[in-house]
Protein backbone atom coordinates (compact mmCIF):
# COMPACT_ATOMS: atom_id res chain seq x y z
CA UNK A 1 -0.51 0.02 -0.06
CA UNK A 2 1.30 3.26 -1.02
CA UNK A 3 1.70 5.98 1.28
CA UNK A 4 -0.72 8.54 -0.54
CA UNK A 5 -2.96 5.13 -0.22
CA UNK A 6 -2.95 5.65 3.59
CA UNK A 7 -3.50 9.25 3.77
CA UNK A 8 -6.26 8.45 1.45
CA UNK A 9 -7.90 6.71 4.41
CA UNK A 10 -6.95 8.57 6.85
CA UNK A 11 -9.02 11.50 4.94
CA UNK A 12 -11.67 9.72 4.71
CA UNK A 13 -11.75 7.87 8.61
CA UNK A 14 -11.99 11.38 9.32
CA UNK A 15 -15.12 12.03 8.53
CA UNK A 16 -16.66 9.29 10.48
CA UNK A 17 -16.93 8.41 13.77
CA UNK A 18 -17.12 4.73 13.03
CA UNK A 19 -16.69 1.90 10.23
CA UNK A 20 -17.96 -1.26 10.22
CA UNK A 21 -15.97 -3.29 7.75
CA UNK A 22 -17.72 -5.85 5.58
CA UNK A 23 -16.70 -5.71 1.91
CA UNK A 24 -14.96 -9.55 1.62
CA UNK A 25 -14.56 -9.80 -2.11
CA UNK A 26 -15.88 -6.51 -3.26
CA UNK A 27 -12.68 -5.78 -4.82
CA UNK A 28 -9.81 -7.75 -6.59
CA UNK A 29 -7.02 -5.84 -4.77
CA UNK A 30 -6.44 -3.88 -1.67
CA UNK A 31 -8.05 -0.23 -1.97
CA UNK A 32 -7.34 2.28 1.23
CA UNK A 33 -11.22 3.04 1.46
CA UNK A 34 -10.94 -0.84 2.58
CA UNK A 35 -7.99 -2.24 3.14
CA UNK A 36 -6.08 -0.23 5.66
CA UNK A 37 -9.47 2.62 6.93
CA UNK A 38 -9.89 0.42 9.76
CA UNK A 39 -6.71 0.86 11.35
CA UNK A 40 -7.78 4.66 11.57
CA UNK A 41 -10.68 3.57 13.85
CA UNK A 42 -9.69 0.23 15.77
CA UNK A 43 -7.38 1.62 17.54
CA UNK A 44 -6.39 -1.84 19.94
CA UNK A 45 -6.47 -3.75 16.43
CA UNK A 46 -8.89 -6.36 18.54
CA UNK A 47 -11.83 -6.13 15.50
CA UNK A 48 -14.35 -5.19 18.37
CA UNK A 49 -16.03 -1.28 19.80
CA UNK A 50 -15.70 -0.38 23.42
CA UNK A 51 -18.81 0.80 25.40
CA UNK A 52 -17.60 4.57 23.41
CA UNK A 53 -17.23 3.19 19.98
CA UNK A 54 -20.45 1.85 20.16
CA UNK A 55 -22.42 4.70 21.78
CA UNK A 56 -20.38 7.20 19.06
CA UNK A 57 -21.34 4.68 15.90
CA UNK A 58 -24.97 4.60 17.01
CA UNK A 59 -24.77 8.54 17.40
CA UNK A 60 -23.36 8.73 13.89
CA UNK A 61 -26.47 6.89 13.16
CA UNK A 62 -28.68 9.27 15.27
CA UNK A 63 -30.36 6.56 17.73
CA UNK A 64 -28.37 7.69 20.31
CA UNK A 65 -26.82 10.45 22.06
CA UNK A 66 -22.48 9.68 22.96
CA UNK A 67 -22.15 9.31 26.23
CA UNK A 68 -18.98 10.08 27.87
CA UNK A 69 -19.67 10.05 31.26
CA UNK A 70 -20.94 6.08 31.21
CA UNK A 71 -23.74 7.34 33.03
CA UNK A 72 -26.74 7.13 31.62
CA UNK A 73 -28.73 3.72 32.22
CA UNK A 74 -30.35 3.55 29.24
CA UNK A 75 -26.71 3.77 26.70
CA UNK A 76 -24.80 1.32 29.44
CA UNK A 77 -28.16 -1.06 29.19
CA UNK A 78 -27.83 -1.32 25.39
CA UNK A 79 -24.32 -2.13 25.22
CA UNK A 80 -24.40 -4.80 28.03
CA UNK A 81 -27.25 -5.95 26.12
CA UNK A 82 -25.78 -5.99 22.39
CA UNK A 83 -22.25 -6.92 23.95
CA UNK A 84 -23.99 -9.82 25.69
CA UNK A 85 -21.94 -8.65 28.76
CA UNK A 86 -18.43 -8.87 27.25
CA UNK A 87 -17.55 -5.12 27.55
CA UNK A 88 -16.98 -5.03 23.72
CA UNK A 89 -18.90 -5.28 20.89
CA UNK A 90 -17.99 -7.66 17.51
CA UNK A 91 -19.24 -7.12 13.69
CA UNK A 92 -21.46 -10.38 14.22
CA UNK A 93 -22.55 -9.12 17.20
CA UNK A 94 -23.18 -4.84 15.87
CA UNK A 95 -24.26 -6.40 12.43
CA UNK A 96 -27.13 -8.21 14.41
CA UNK A 97 -28.53 -5.15 16.14
CA UNK A 98 -28.51 -3.11 13.26
CA UNK A 99 -30.27 -5.62 11.82
CA UNK A 100 -33.45 -5.62 14.37
CA UNK A 101 -33.13 -1.92 15.35
CA UNK A 102 -33.61 -1.46 10.80
CA UNK A 103 -36.04 -4.14 10.83
CA UNK A 104 -38.72 -4.03 8.34
CA UNK A 105 -41.83 -3.98 10.06
CA UNK A 106 -44.91 -2.19 9.69
CA UNK A 107 -47.37 -0.55 11.39
CA UNK A 108 -51.27 0.42 10.74
CA UNK A 109 -50.54 3.92 10.39
CA UNK A 110 -47.70 2.41 7.23
CA UNK A 111 -50.13 0.42 5.72
CA UNK A 112 -52.27 3.03 5.47
CA UNK A 113 -50.48 5.74 4.16
CA UNK A 114 -48.95 2.85 1.25
CA UNK A 115 -52.71 2.15 0.39
CA UNK A 116 -53.94 6.39 0.45
CA UNK A 117 -50.80 6.55 -1.39
CA UNK A 118 -51.72 4.04 -4.61
CA UNK A 119 -55.19 4.77 -3.93
CA UNK A 120 -54.39 8.51 -5.18
CA UNK A 121 -55.63 10.00 -2.04
CA UNK A 122 -59.28 8.32 -2.02
CA UNK A 123 -60.58 6.70 1.60
CA UNK A 124 -60.86 3.97 -0.91
CA UNK A 125 -58.98 2.05 -3.05
CA UNK A 126 -59.43 -0.15 -6.39
CA UNK A 127 -58.57 -3.40 -8.03
CA UNK A 128 -57.48 -0.96 -10.62
CA UNK A 129 -55.33 1.04 -8.12
CA UNK A 130 -54.05 -1.87 -7.35
CA UNK A 131 -53.08 -3.43 -10.77
CA UNK A 132 -51.57 0.08 -11.45
CA UNK A 133 -49.83 0.14 -9.50
CA UNK A 134 -48.28 -3.33 -9.58
CA UNK A 135 -49.52 -5.62 -6.54
CA UNK A 136 -48.89 -9.16 -7.22
CA UNK A 137 -52.23 -10.35 -8.37
CA UNK A 138 -52.39 -13.13 -5.30
CA UNK A 139 -51.78 -10.01 -2.62
CA UNK A 140 -54.76 -7.92 -4.43
CA UNK A 141 -57.01 -10.85 -4.20
CA UNK A 142 -56.11 -11.10 -0.20
CA UNK A 143 -56.78 -7.53 0.05
CA UNK A 144 -59.83 -7.81 -1.18
CA UNK A 145 -60.30 -10.97 1.06
CA UNK A 146 -59.37 -9.00 3.94
CA UNK A 147 -60.21 -5.26 3.96
CA UNK A 148 -64.81 -4.52 4.00
CA UNK A 149 -66.07 -2.39 0.95
CA UNK A 150 -66.50 1.18 1.27
CA UNK A 151 -69.49 2.78 2.48
CA UNK A 152 -69.92 4.68 -1.03
CA UNK A 153 -69.12 1.03 -2.87
CA UNK A 154 -66.83 2.20 -4.89
CA UNK A 155 -63.46 0.24 -3.55
CA UNK A 156 -61.49 -1.25 -0.38
CA UNK A 157 -61.84 0.85 3.10
CA UNK A 158 -58.30 0.29 4.24
CA UNK A 159 -58.34 3.59 6.43
CA UNK A 160 -60.94 1.57 8.77
CA UNK A 161 -59.55 -1.29 8.64
CA UNK A 162 -56.16 0.00 9.36
CA UNK A 163 -57.93 1.31 12.42
C-alpha cells in the first residue's frame, strides 16, 4: 500500500465516527477505502467496539446520544445487551443489532399511508389502483378478501381496516 493511499484512508476516516468493515469479496485488489481505513478506527486492533465506540456509532446514525460519562442507564443497558456482558461488541453482534434496529416492520399507520398513496389519496382503494401499482395478483386477492367494502361501494375501505 502506497503512502498516498494510506493518507487517503486517513482522510476518509476523518469524516466518520465509526467504520464497519464488511467488504469481503468486493474488490480484486487492496484499496485504501477498504484495506487500511480500519487502522484509523480500531486503535487496539482487536476487531471490536468498546462502549464509547459503540455508542458513537449509534450516535452517528442518530440512534443514540453520545454519553462520555458512562452514566446514561439506557445507553449502558443497550451496550450490555449487545455486547452480551463482555464489554466489547464484535462485528457479528453489531450487525445483528443493526438488523434488529432497522428491520422492516409495518404498523397500521404505515399500511394506511401506503394504501392511500396507491389510491391517489382516496379513502378507498380499487382493484385497478392495486394493479396499476404493480401489486401481485395473489396479494390483491388477499386484500380484497380482507378489507371491507367502502360505504360508497366504489372500492375497499383500507382506512377503517387499519385502525
